[in-house]
Amino acid sequence: QVQLVESGGGLVQAGGSLRLSCAASGRIFSTYTMAWFRQAPGKEREFVLTNTWSGGTTYYADSVKGRFTISRDNAKNTVYLQMNSLKPEDTAVYYCAARSFRKGTTPLSPGEYNYWGQGTQVTVSA
């Protein structure tokens, strides 16, 4: 069983930056595919980015490419989402997600992930 706990959300002005953290407990963290999704009010949960495994490939949604990055600290079992040049349309609840790494797959939809955090609110003011 994997438990995920996000932190770091808050209110920021457009153009600013935030770093979200996702602390994981349980299994072998470095072998898990870790992802971030977000959900704005009245919208479906959408893919932000995913890192297949520690040292593996990262895939980005077009809307965040060049602005958001993911990093891992395996010693701390923590994954980070660095968000720069934030826009009002980035306002959403951000969720950390995890699943076991499966070679040859790139999970981009919420249904492909087994484990979820509780979410953290990010609000970007104009």
Foldseek 3Di string as FASTA:
>chain_A
DKAKAKDWADEEAAQAKTKMKIAMDDDQLQQKKKFKWWDDPPGDIFGAKIALGQVGDIDGDPVQPPFWDKDDDSVRNMIMIIGGRDDQVVWTWMKMFIDGHDPPDDDGDPVVTDYIYPTDTHGYHD
